Amino acid sequence: MQGLGLIASEREGGKKAFTLTEAGTAEAQRIAEGTPPWEEVTGRLPRGFGESRAVGAQIAMAAAQIAQLGTEEQREQALAVLKDTRRRLYRILAEEDEAAD
């Protein structure tokens, strides 16, 4: 930031103190009045993406626990559920593609 002219530094009592320059103050004001940087990224994602991703991660953790701790029968059941879920999810996309045709 110092190289961008947004902050300035000076030595005070053996310590370095940083302050915003006029340009830095203007940039901070612009950011405060605008869209936060994290929303600029997440705002481009489809609605529900974050929740879907979180649920997917939770499913992966549950599947990993079953794989590590479950009996052979539980692992087989879990694998069947995962395969069925994958098939059903792709079917949703296929139905959308058919509707568009």
N, C-alpha and C. Protein backbone atom coordinates (compact mmCIF):
# COMPACT_ATOMS: atom_id res chain seq x y z
N MET A 1 0.82 -1.20 0.00
CA MET A 1 0.00 0.00 0.00
C MET A 1 0.87 1.26 0.00
N GLN A 2 2.01 1.14 0.65
CA GLN A 2 2.88 2.32 0.70
C GLN A 2 3.34 2.69 -0.70
N GLY A 3 3.63 1.68 -1.52
CA GLY A 3 4.06 1.92 -2.89
C GLY A 3 2.95 2.52 -3.75
N LEU A 4 1.72 2.36 -3.32
CA LEU A 4 0.58 2.91 -4.05
C LEU A 4 0.26 4.33 -3.62
N GLY A 5 0.96 4.80 -2.61
CA GLY A 5 0.73 6.16 -2.12
C GLY A 5 -0.49 6.28 -1.23
N LEU A 6 -0.97 5.15 -0.68
CA LEU A 6 -2.16 5.18 0.17
C LEU A 6 -1.83 5.32 1.65
N ILE A 7 -0.61 4.92 2.02
CA ILE A 7 -0.19 5.08 3.42
C ILE A 7 1.20 5.71 3.45
N ALA A 8 1.47 6.34 4.58
CA ALA A 8 2.80 6.94 4.80
C ALA A 8 3.29 6.43 6.15
N SER A 9 4.60 6.34 6.29
CA SER A 9 5.16 5.88 7.56
C SER A 9 6.21 6.87 8.04
N GLU A 10 6.36 6.92 9.35
CA GLU A 10 7.42 7.74 9.95
C GLU A 10 7.83 7.10 11.27
N ARG A 11 9.05 7.34 11.66
CA ARG A 11 9.58 6.79 12.91
C ARG A 11 9.16 7.67 14.08
N GLU A 12 8.65 7.02 15.12
CA GLU A 12 8.29 7.73 16.34
C GLU A 12 8.78 6.92 17.53
N GLY A 13 9.78 7.41 18.21
CA GLY A 13 10.30 6.75 19.40
C GLY A 13 10.78 5.33 19.13
N GLY A 14 11.48 5.12 18.03
CA GLY A 14 12.00 3.81 17.70
C GLY A 14 10.97 2.88 17.06
N LYS A 15 9.75 3.36 16.89
CA LYS A 15 8.71 2.55 16.26
C LYS A 15 8.27 3.25 14.98
N LYS A 16 7.76 2.46 14.08
CA LYS A 16 7.27 3.01 12.82
C LYS A 16 5.76 3.20 12.95
N ALA A 17 5.29 4.39 12.65
CA ALA A 17 3.86 4.69 12.69
C ALA A 17 3.36 4.85 11.25
N PHE A 18 2.20 4.30 10.98
CA PHE A 18 1.62 4.38 9.64
C PHE A 18 0.35 5.23 9.69
N THR A 19 0.16 6.05 8.68
CA THR A 19 -1.05 6.86 8.56
C THR A 19 -1.52 6.82 7.11
N LEU A 20 -2.81 7.07 6.94
CA LEU A 20 -3.34 7.16 5.59
C LEU A 20 -2.97 8.50 4.98
N THR A 21 -2.62 8.48 3.72
CA THR A 21 -2.40 9.72 2.99
C THR A 21 -3.77 10.24 2.55
N GLU A 22 -3.80 11.39 1.90
CA GLU A 22 -5.08 11.90 1.38
C GLU A 22 -5.67 10.90 0.39
N ALA A 23 -4.80 10.33 -0.46
CA ALA A 23 -5.27 9.34 -1.43
C ALA A 23 -5.79 8.09 -0.70
N GLY A 24 -5.11 7.70 0.38
CA GLY A 24 -5.54 6.55 1.16
C GLY A 24 -6.88 6.78 1.84
N THR A 25 -7.07 7.98 2.36
CA THR A 25 -8.35 8.34 2.98
C THR A 25 -9.46 8.32 1.94
N ALA A 26 -9.18 8.85 0.76
CA ALA A 26 -10.18 8.85 -0.32
C ALA A 26 -10.52 7.43 -0.74
N GLU A 27 -9.51 6.57 -0.83
CA GLU A 27 -9.74 5.17 -1.22
C GLU A 27 -10.54 4.44 -0.15
N ALA A 28 -10.22 4.66 1.12
CA ALA A 28 -10.97 4.03 2.22
C ALA A 28 -12.43 4.49 2.19
N GLN A 29 -12.66 5.74 1.91
CA GLN A 29 -14.03 6.27 1.82
C GLN A 29 -14.77 5.64 0.65
N ARG A 30 -14.08 5.51 -0.49
CA ARG A 30 -14.69 4.89 -1.67
C ARG A 30 -15.10 3.45 -1.38
N ILE A 31 -14.22 2.72 -0.71
CA ILE A 31 -14.51 1.32 -0.36
C ILE A 31 -15.67 1.26 0.62
N ALA A 32 -15.67 2.15 1.63
CA ALA A 32 -16.73 2.14 2.65
C ALA A 32 -18.09 2.43 2.04
N GLU A 33 -18.14 3.25 1.00
CA GLU A 33 -19.41 3.62 0.38
C GLU A 33 -19.84 2.63 -0.69
N GLY A 34 -18.90 1.79 -1.15
CA GLY A 34 -19.21 0.87 -2.25
C GLY A 34 -19.47 -0.54 -1.76
N THR A 35 -19.33 -1.46 -2.67
CA THR A 35 -19.52 -2.87 -2.38
C THR A 35 -18.27 -3.41 -1.71
N PRO A 36 -18.41 -4.10 -0.58
CA PRO A 36 -17.23 -4.70 0.05
C PRO A 36 -16.56 -5.68 -0.92
N PRO A 37 -15.23 -5.79 -0.88
CA PRO A 37 -14.51 -6.63 -1.83
C PRO A 37 -15.00 -8.08 -1.86
N TRP A 38 -15.34 -8.64 -0.69
CA TRP A 38 -15.79 -10.03 -0.67
C TRP A 38 -17.13 -10.20 -1.37
N GLU A 39 -17.95 -9.16 -1.35
CA GLU A 39 -19.23 -9.24 -2.04
C GLU A 39 -19.06 -9.09 -3.55
N GLU A 40 -18.00 -8.42 -3.96
CA GLU A 40 -17.74 -8.32 -5.40
C GLU A 40 -17.49 -9.70 -5.98
N VAL A 41 -16.84 -10.57 -5.20
CA VAL A 41 -16.57 -11.93 -5.65
C VAL A 41 -17.81 -12.81 -5.49
N THR A 42 -18.38 -12.84 -4.29
CA THR A 42 -19.52 -13.72 -4.04
C THR A 42 -20.76 -13.25 -4.75
N GLY A 43 -20.85 -11.97 -5.07
CA GLY A 43 -22.01 -11.45 -5.77
C GLY A 43 -22.14 -12.00 -7.19
N ARG A 44 -21.06 -12.51 -7.73
CA ARG A 44 -21.07 -13.07 -9.08
C ARG A 44 -21.48 -14.54 -9.09
N LEU A 45 -21.55 -15.15 -7.93
CA LEU A 45 -21.90 -16.56 -7.85
C LEU A 45 -23.41 -16.74 -7.91
N PRO A 46 -23.86 -17.86 -8.46
CA PRO A 46 -25.30 -18.09 -8.51
C PRO A 46 -25.90 -18.16 -7.11
N ARG A 47 -27.15 -17.78 -7.01
CA ARG A 47 -27.85 -17.82 -5.72
C ARG A 47 -27.86 -19.25 -5.19
N GLY A 48 -27.56 -19.40 -3.91
CA GLY A 48 -27.56 -20.71 -3.28
C GLY A 48 -26.25 -21.47 -3.42
N PHE A 49 -25.29 -20.92 -4.14
CA PHE A 49 -24.02 -21.61 -4.36
C PHE A 49 -23.31 -21.90 -3.04
N GLY A 50 -23.24 -20.91 -2.18
CA GLY A 50 -22.52 -21.08 -0.91
C GLY A 50 -23.13 -22.16 -0.05
N GLU A 51 -24.46 -22.17 0.05
CA GLU A 51 -25.13 -23.18 0.86
C GLU A 51 -24.94 -24.57 0.25
N SER A 52 -25.05 -24.66 -1.07
CA SER A 52 -24.85 -25.96 -1.73
C SER A 52 -23.44 -26.47 -1.50
N ARG A 53 -22.48 -25.57 -1.57
CA ARG A 53 -21.08 -25.97 -1.36
C ARG A 53 -20.87 -26.44 0.09
N ALA A 54 -21.47 -25.74 1.03
CA ALA A 54 -21.32 -26.12 2.44
C ALA A 54 -21.95 -27.48 2.70
N VAL A 55 -23.14 -27.71 2.16
CA VAL A 55 -23.80 -29.01 2.35
C VAL A 55 -22.98 -30.11 1.69
N GLY A 56 -22.44 -29.84 0.51
CA GLY A 56 -21.59 -30.82 -0.17
C GLY A 56 -20.38 -31.19 0.68
N ALA A 57 -19.78 -30.20 1.32
CA ALA A 57 -18.62 -30.46 2.18
C ALA A 57 -19.03 -31.29 3.40
N GLN A 58 -20.20 -31.01 3.95
CA GLN A 58 -20.69 -31.78 5.10
C GLN A 58 -20.96 -33.23 4.70
N ILE A 59 -21.50 -33.42 3.50
CA ILE A 59 -21.74 -34.79 3.00
C ILE A 59 -20.42 -35.52 2.84
N ALA A 60 -19.42 -34.83 2.29
CA ALA A 60 -18.10 -35.44 2.12
C ALA A 60 -17.50 -35.85 3.46
N MET A 61 -17.68 -35.01 4.48
CA MET A 61 -17.15 -35.35 5.82
C MET A 61 -17.87 -36.57 6.39
N ALA A 62 -19.21 -36.61 6.23
CA ALA A 62 -19.97 -37.75 6.72
C ALA A 62 -19.55 -39.03 6.01
N ALA A 63 -19.37 -38.94 4.69
CA ALA A 63 -18.94 -40.12 3.92
C ALA A 63 -17.56 -40.58 4.36
N ALA A 64 -16.67 -39.65 4.63
CA ALA A 64 -15.32 -40.00 5.08
C ALA A 64 -15.37 -40.69 6.44
N GLN A 65 -16.24 -40.22 7.33
CA GLN A 65 -16.37 -40.86 8.65
C GLN A 65 -16.89 -42.28 8.52
N ILE A 66 -17.88 -42.46 7.64
CA ILE A 66 -18.40 -43.81 7.43
C ILE A 66 -17.31 -44.70 6.83
N ALA A 67 -16.55 -44.16 5.88
CA ALA A 67 -15.48 -44.94 5.26
C ALA A 67 -14.44 -45.37 6.28
N GLN A 68 -14.17 -44.52 7.25
CA GLN A 68 -13.15 -44.81 8.25
C GLN A 68 -13.67 -45.65 9.41
N LEU A 69 -14.89 -45.35 9.86
CA LEU A 69 -15.37 -45.94 11.10
C LEU A 69 -16.51 -46.94 10.93
N GLY A 70 -17.13 -46.92 9.76
CA GLY A 70 -18.32 -47.75 9.56
C GLY A 70 -17.97 -49.20 9.30
N THR A 71 -19.00 -50.02 9.43
CA THR A 71 -18.86 -51.43 9.09
C THR A 71 -18.88 -51.57 7.57
N GLU A 72 -18.59 -52.74 7.10
CA GLU A 72 -18.61 -52.97 5.65
C GLU A 72 -20.02 -52.71 5.11
N GLU A 73 -21.03 -53.14 5.83
CA GLU A 73 -22.41 -52.93 5.40
C GLU A 73 -22.74 -51.43 5.35
N GLN A 74 -22.30 -50.68 6.35
CA GLN A 74 -22.55 -49.24 6.36
C GLN A 74 -21.84 -48.55 5.20
N ARG A 75 -20.62 -48.97 4.91
CA ARG A 75 -19.88 -48.39 3.78
C ARG A 75 -20.60 -48.67 2.46
N GLU A 76 -21.11 -49.89 2.31
CA GLU A 76 -21.84 -50.24 1.09
C GLU A 76 -23.12 -49.41 0.97
N GLN A 77 -23.84 -49.23 2.08
CA GLN A 77 -25.06 -48.42 2.07
C GLN A 77 -24.73 -46.97 1.71
N ALA A 78 -23.70 -46.45 2.31
CA ALA A 78 -23.31 -45.06 2.06
C ALA A 78 -22.91 -44.88 0.59
N LEU A 79 -22.16 -45.82 0.05
CA LEU A 79 -21.75 -45.74 -1.34
C LEU A 79 -22.96 -45.75 -2.26
N ALA A 80 -23.94 -46.59 -1.95
CA ALA A 80 -25.17 -46.63 -2.76
C ALA A 80 -25.90 -45.29 -2.69
N VAL A 81 -25.97 -44.69 -1.51
CA VAL A 81 -26.63 -43.38 -1.35
C VAL A 81 -25.89 -42.32 -2.16
N LEU A 82 -24.56 -42.32 -2.09
CA LEU A 82 -23.77 -41.33 -2.81
C LEU A 82 -23.92 -41.48 -4.33
N LYS A 83 -23.90 -42.72 -4.81
CA LYS A 83 -24.06 -42.95 -6.24
C LYS A 83 -25.45 -42.51 -6.71
N ASP A 84 -26.47 -42.82 -5.90
CA ASP A 84 -27.83 -42.43 -6.25
C ASP A 84 -27.95 -40.90 -6.24
N THR A 85 -27.35 -40.27 -5.26
CA THR A 85 -27.40 -38.80 -5.17
C THR A 85 -26.74 -38.17 -6.38
N ARG A 86 -25.58 -38.68 -6.76
CA ARG A 86 -24.88 -38.16 -7.94
C ARG A 86 -25.76 -38.29 -9.18
N ARG A 87 -26.36 -39.47 -9.36
CA ARG A 87 -27.23 -39.72 -10.50
C ARG A 87 -28.41 -38.75 -10.52
N ARG A 88 -29.02 -38.54 -9.35
CA ARG A 88 -30.18 -37.66 -9.25
C ARG A 88 -29.81 -36.20 -9.52
N LEU A 89 -28.64 -35.78 -9.07
CA LEU A 89 -28.19 -34.42 -9.32
C LEU A 89 -27.98 -34.18 -10.82
N TYR A 90 -27.33 -35.11 -11.48
CA TYR A 90 -27.13 -34.96 -12.92
C TYR A 90 -28.46 -35.03 -13.67
N ARG A 91 -29.40 -35.77 -13.16
CA ARG A 91 -30.72 -35.84 -13.78
C ARG A 91 -31.39 -34.46 -13.75
N ILE A 92 -31.18 -33.73 -12.66
CA ILE A 92 -31.74 -32.37 -12.56
C ILE A 92 -31.20 -31.50 -13.69
N LEU A 93 -29.90 -31.58 -13.95
CA LEU A 93 -29.32 -30.82 -15.06
C LEU A 93 -29.87 -31.28 -16.39
N ALA A 94 -30.01 -32.57 -16.56
CA ALA A 94 -30.51 -33.11 -17.83
C ALA A 94 -31.95 -32.65 -18.07
N GLU A 95 -32.76 -32.60 -17.03
CA GLU A 95 -34.13 -32.13 -17.18
C GLU A 95 -34.16 -30.68 -17.61
N GLU A 96 -33.26 -29.87 -17.07
CA GLU A 96 -33.20 -28.46 -17.45
C GLU A 96 -32.80 -28.32 -18.91
N ASP A 97 -31.82 -29.14 -19.35
CA ASP A 97 -31.38 -29.11 -20.73
C ASP A 97 -32.52 -29.51 -21.67
N GLU A 98 -33.30 -30.52 -21.28
CA GLU A 98 -34.42 -30.97 -22.10
C GLU A 98 -35.49 -29.88 -22.18
N ALA A 99 -35.72 -29.17 -21.10
CA ALA A 99 -36.73 -28.11 -21.09
C ALA A 99 -36.31 -26.96 -22.00
N ALA A 100 -35.00 -26.73 -22.11
CA ALA A 100 -34.50 -25.63 -22.95
C ALA A 100 -34.62 -25.97 -24.43
N ASP A 101 -34.63 -27.26 -24.75
CA ASP A 101 -34.73 -27.69 -26.16
C ASP A 101 -36.10 -27.53 -26.65
